[in-house]
């Protein structure tokens, strides 16, 4: 099993469109398992988007 730093190193090498698909899949998985965590995660993402004007 890989450590988090090893995983992140490989993840950073992926093309942006692959990262986006992985992110969307993870969010869909979270929403199915735990809607409360999904809501908190999306709220945090919205705050970061607004904070950094993305």
N, C-alpha and C. Protein backbone atom coordinates (compact mmCIF):
# COMPACT_ATOMS: atom_id res chain seq x y z
N UNK A 1 0.84 -1.18 0.00
CA UNK A 1 0.00 0.00 0.00
C UNK A 1 0.89 1.25 0.00
N UNK A 2 0.49 2.24 -0.78
CA UNK A 2 1.28 3.45 -0.90
C UNK A 2 0.99 4.41 0.24
N UNK A 3 2.00 5.21 0.56
CA UNK A 3 1.79 6.27 1.54
C UNK A 3 1.08 7.42 0.83
N UNK A 4 0.53 8.33 1.61
CA UNK A 4 -0.16 9.48 1.02
C UNK A 4 0.80 10.32 0.17
N UNK A 5 2.02 10.62 0.65
CA UNK A 5 2.94 11.38 -0.22
C UNK A 5 3.25 10.68 -1.55
N UNK A 6 3.39 9.35 -1.52
CA UNK A 6 3.64 8.60 -2.76
C UNK A 6 2.44 8.72 -3.70
N UNK A 7 1.24 8.59 -3.14
CA UNK A 7 0.03 8.70 -3.94
C UNK A 7 -0.08 10.10 -4.55
N UNK A 8 0.18 11.13 -3.74
CA UNK A 8 0.05 12.51 -4.23
C UNK A 8 1.08 12.80 -5.32
N UNK A 9 2.27 12.24 -5.19
CA UNK A 9 3.30 12.43 -6.22
C UNK A 9 2.82 11.88 -7.56
N UNK A 10 2.23 10.69 -7.54
CA UNK A 10 1.70 10.10 -8.77
C UNK A 10 0.49 10.88 -9.28
N UNK A 11 -0.37 11.31 -8.36
CA UNK A 11 -1.59 12.04 -8.73
C UNK A 11 -1.24 13.34 -9.46
N UNK A 12 -0.21 14.04 -8.97
CA UNK A 12 0.18 15.32 -9.58
C UNK A 12 0.64 15.15 -11.03
N UNK A 13 1.11 13.97 -11.39
CA UNK A 13 1.60 13.71 -12.75
C UNK A 13 0.46 13.48 -13.74
N UNK A 14 -0.74 13.24 -13.25
CA UNK A 14 -1.86 12.94 -14.13
C UNK A 14 -2.31 14.18 -14.89
N UNK A 15 -2.84 14.00 -16.11
CA UNK A 15 -3.41 15.14 -16.85
C UNK A 15 -4.61 15.72 -16.09
N UNK A 16 -4.88 16.99 -16.28
CA UNK A 16 -5.95 17.68 -15.56
C UNK A 16 -7.31 17.03 -15.77
N UNK A 17 -7.61 16.57 -16.99
CA UNK A 17 -8.92 15.98 -17.23
C UNK A 17 -9.09 14.66 -16.47
N UNK A 18 -8.00 13.92 -16.30
CA UNK A 18 -8.06 12.68 -15.52
C UNK A 18 -8.27 13.00 -14.04
N UNK A 19 -7.61 14.05 -13.55
CA UNK A 19 -7.80 14.48 -12.16
C UNK A 19 -9.25 14.87 -11.93
N UNK A 20 -9.84 15.57 -12.89
CA UNK A 20 -11.23 16.02 -12.75
C UNK A 20 -12.18 14.83 -12.66
N UNK A 21 -11.97 13.82 -13.50
CA UNK A 21 -12.82 12.63 -13.47
C UNK A 21 -12.66 11.90 -12.14
N UNK A 22 -11.43 11.79 -11.66
CA UNK A 22 -11.18 11.13 -10.37
C UNK A 22 -11.87 11.88 -9.25
N UNK A 23 -11.81 13.20 -9.29
CA UNK A 23 -12.46 14.03 -8.28
C UNK A 23 -13.97 13.84 -8.31
N UNK A 24 -14.56 13.87 -9.49
CA UNK A 24 -16.01 13.71 -9.61
C UNK A 24 -16.46 12.34 -9.13
N UNK A 25 -15.68 11.31 -9.46
CA UNK A 25 -16.00 9.96 -9.01
C UNK A 25 -15.95 9.88 -7.48
N UNK A 26 -14.91 10.49 -6.91
CA UNK A 26 -14.78 10.48 -5.44
C UNK A 26 -15.95 11.21 -4.79
N UNK A 27 -16.36 12.34 -5.35
CA UNK A 27 -17.47 13.11 -4.79
C UNK A 27 -18.77 12.30 -4.89
N UNK A 28 -18.98 11.63 -5.99
CA UNK A 28 -20.19 10.82 -6.16
C UNK A 28 -20.19 9.68 -5.14
N UNK A 29 -19.03 9.09 -4.91
CA UNK A 29 -18.90 8.00 -3.95
C UNK A 29 -19.20 8.50 -2.53
N UNK A 30 -18.67 9.67 -2.21
CA UNK A 30 -18.92 10.26 -0.88
C UNK A 30 -20.41 10.55 -0.71
N UNK A 31 -21.03 11.13 -1.74
CA UNK A 31 -22.44 11.49 -1.65
C UNK A 31 -23.30 10.26 -1.39
N UNK A 32 -22.97 9.16 -2.03
CA UNK A 32 -23.73 7.93 -1.87
C UNK A 32 -23.58 7.37 -0.45
N UNK A 33 -22.35 7.40 0.08
CA UNK A 33 -22.07 6.82 1.40
C UNK A 33 -22.49 7.71 2.55
N UNK A 34 -22.19 9.03 2.42
CA UNK A 34 -22.42 9.92 3.55
C UNK A 34 -22.79 11.32 3.07
N UNK A 35 -24.09 11.57 2.90
CA UNK A 35 -24.54 12.87 2.38
C UNK A 35 -24.09 14.06 3.22
N UNK A 36 -23.94 13.88 4.52
CA UNK A 36 -23.51 15.00 5.39
C UNK A 36 -22.08 15.39 5.06
N UNK A 37 -21.20 14.41 4.93
CA UNK A 37 -19.81 14.68 4.56
C UNK A 37 -19.76 15.34 3.18
N UNK A 38 -20.60 14.87 2.28
CA UNK A 38 -20.66 15.45 0.93
C UNK A 38 -21.04 16.93 1.01
N UNK A 39 -22.07 17.24 1.79
CA UNK A 39 -22.51 18.63 1.92
C UNK A 39 -21.42 19.51 2.51
N UNK A 40 -20.75 19.02 3.55
CA UNK A 40 -19.67 19.80 4.17
C UNK A 40 -18.51 19.98 3.20
N UNK A 41 -18.21 18.94 2.42
CA UNK A 41 -17.12 19.02 1.45
C UNK A 41 -17.44 20.04 0.36
N UNK A 42 -18.66 20.01 -0.15
CA UNK A 42 -19.02 20.96 -1.20
C UNK A 42 -19.04 22.39 -0.67
N UNK A 43 -19.47 22.57 0.58
CA UNK A 43 -19.44 23.91 1.18
C UNK A 43 -18.00 24.42 1.28
N UNK A 44 -17.09 23.55 1.69
CA UNK A 44 -15.67 23.93 1.80
C UNK A 44 -15.11 24.28 0.43
N UNK A 45 -15.45 23.50 -0.58
CA UNK A 45 -14.97 23.77 -1.94
C UNK A 45 -15.49 25.12 -2.42
N UNK A 46 -16.76 25.39 -2.16
CA UNK A 46 -17.34 26.69 -2.55
C UNK A 46 -16.60 27.84 -1.88
N UNK A 47 -16.31 27.69 -0.58
CA UNK A 47 -15.57 28.74 0.13
C UNK A 47 -14.18 28.96 -0.47
N UNK A 48 -13.49 27.86 -0.80
CA UNK A 48 -12.16 27.98 -1.40
C UNK A 48 -12.23 28.63 -2.77
N UNK A 49 -13.23 28.26 -3.56
CA UNK A 49 -13.39 28.86 -4.88
C UNK A 49 -13.58 30.37 -4.74
N UNK A 50 -14.43 30.78 -3.82
CA UNK A 50 -14.67 32.20 -3.61
C UNK A 50 -13.44 32.90 -3.04
N UNK A 51 -12.75 32.23 -2.12
CA UNK A 51 -11.57 32.82 -1.49
C UNK A 51 -10.46 33.08 -2.51
N UNK A 52 -10.27 32.16 -3.42
CA UNK A 52 -9.19 32.28 -4.39
C UNK A 52 -9.66 32.75 -5.77
N UNK A 53 -10.93 33.14 -5.85
CA UNK A 53 -11.50 33.65 -7.10
C UNK A 53 -11.24 32.71 -8.27
N UNK A 54 -11.54 31.44 -8.06
CA UNK A 54 -11.30 30.43 -9.12
C UNK A 54 -12.49 30.37 -10.06
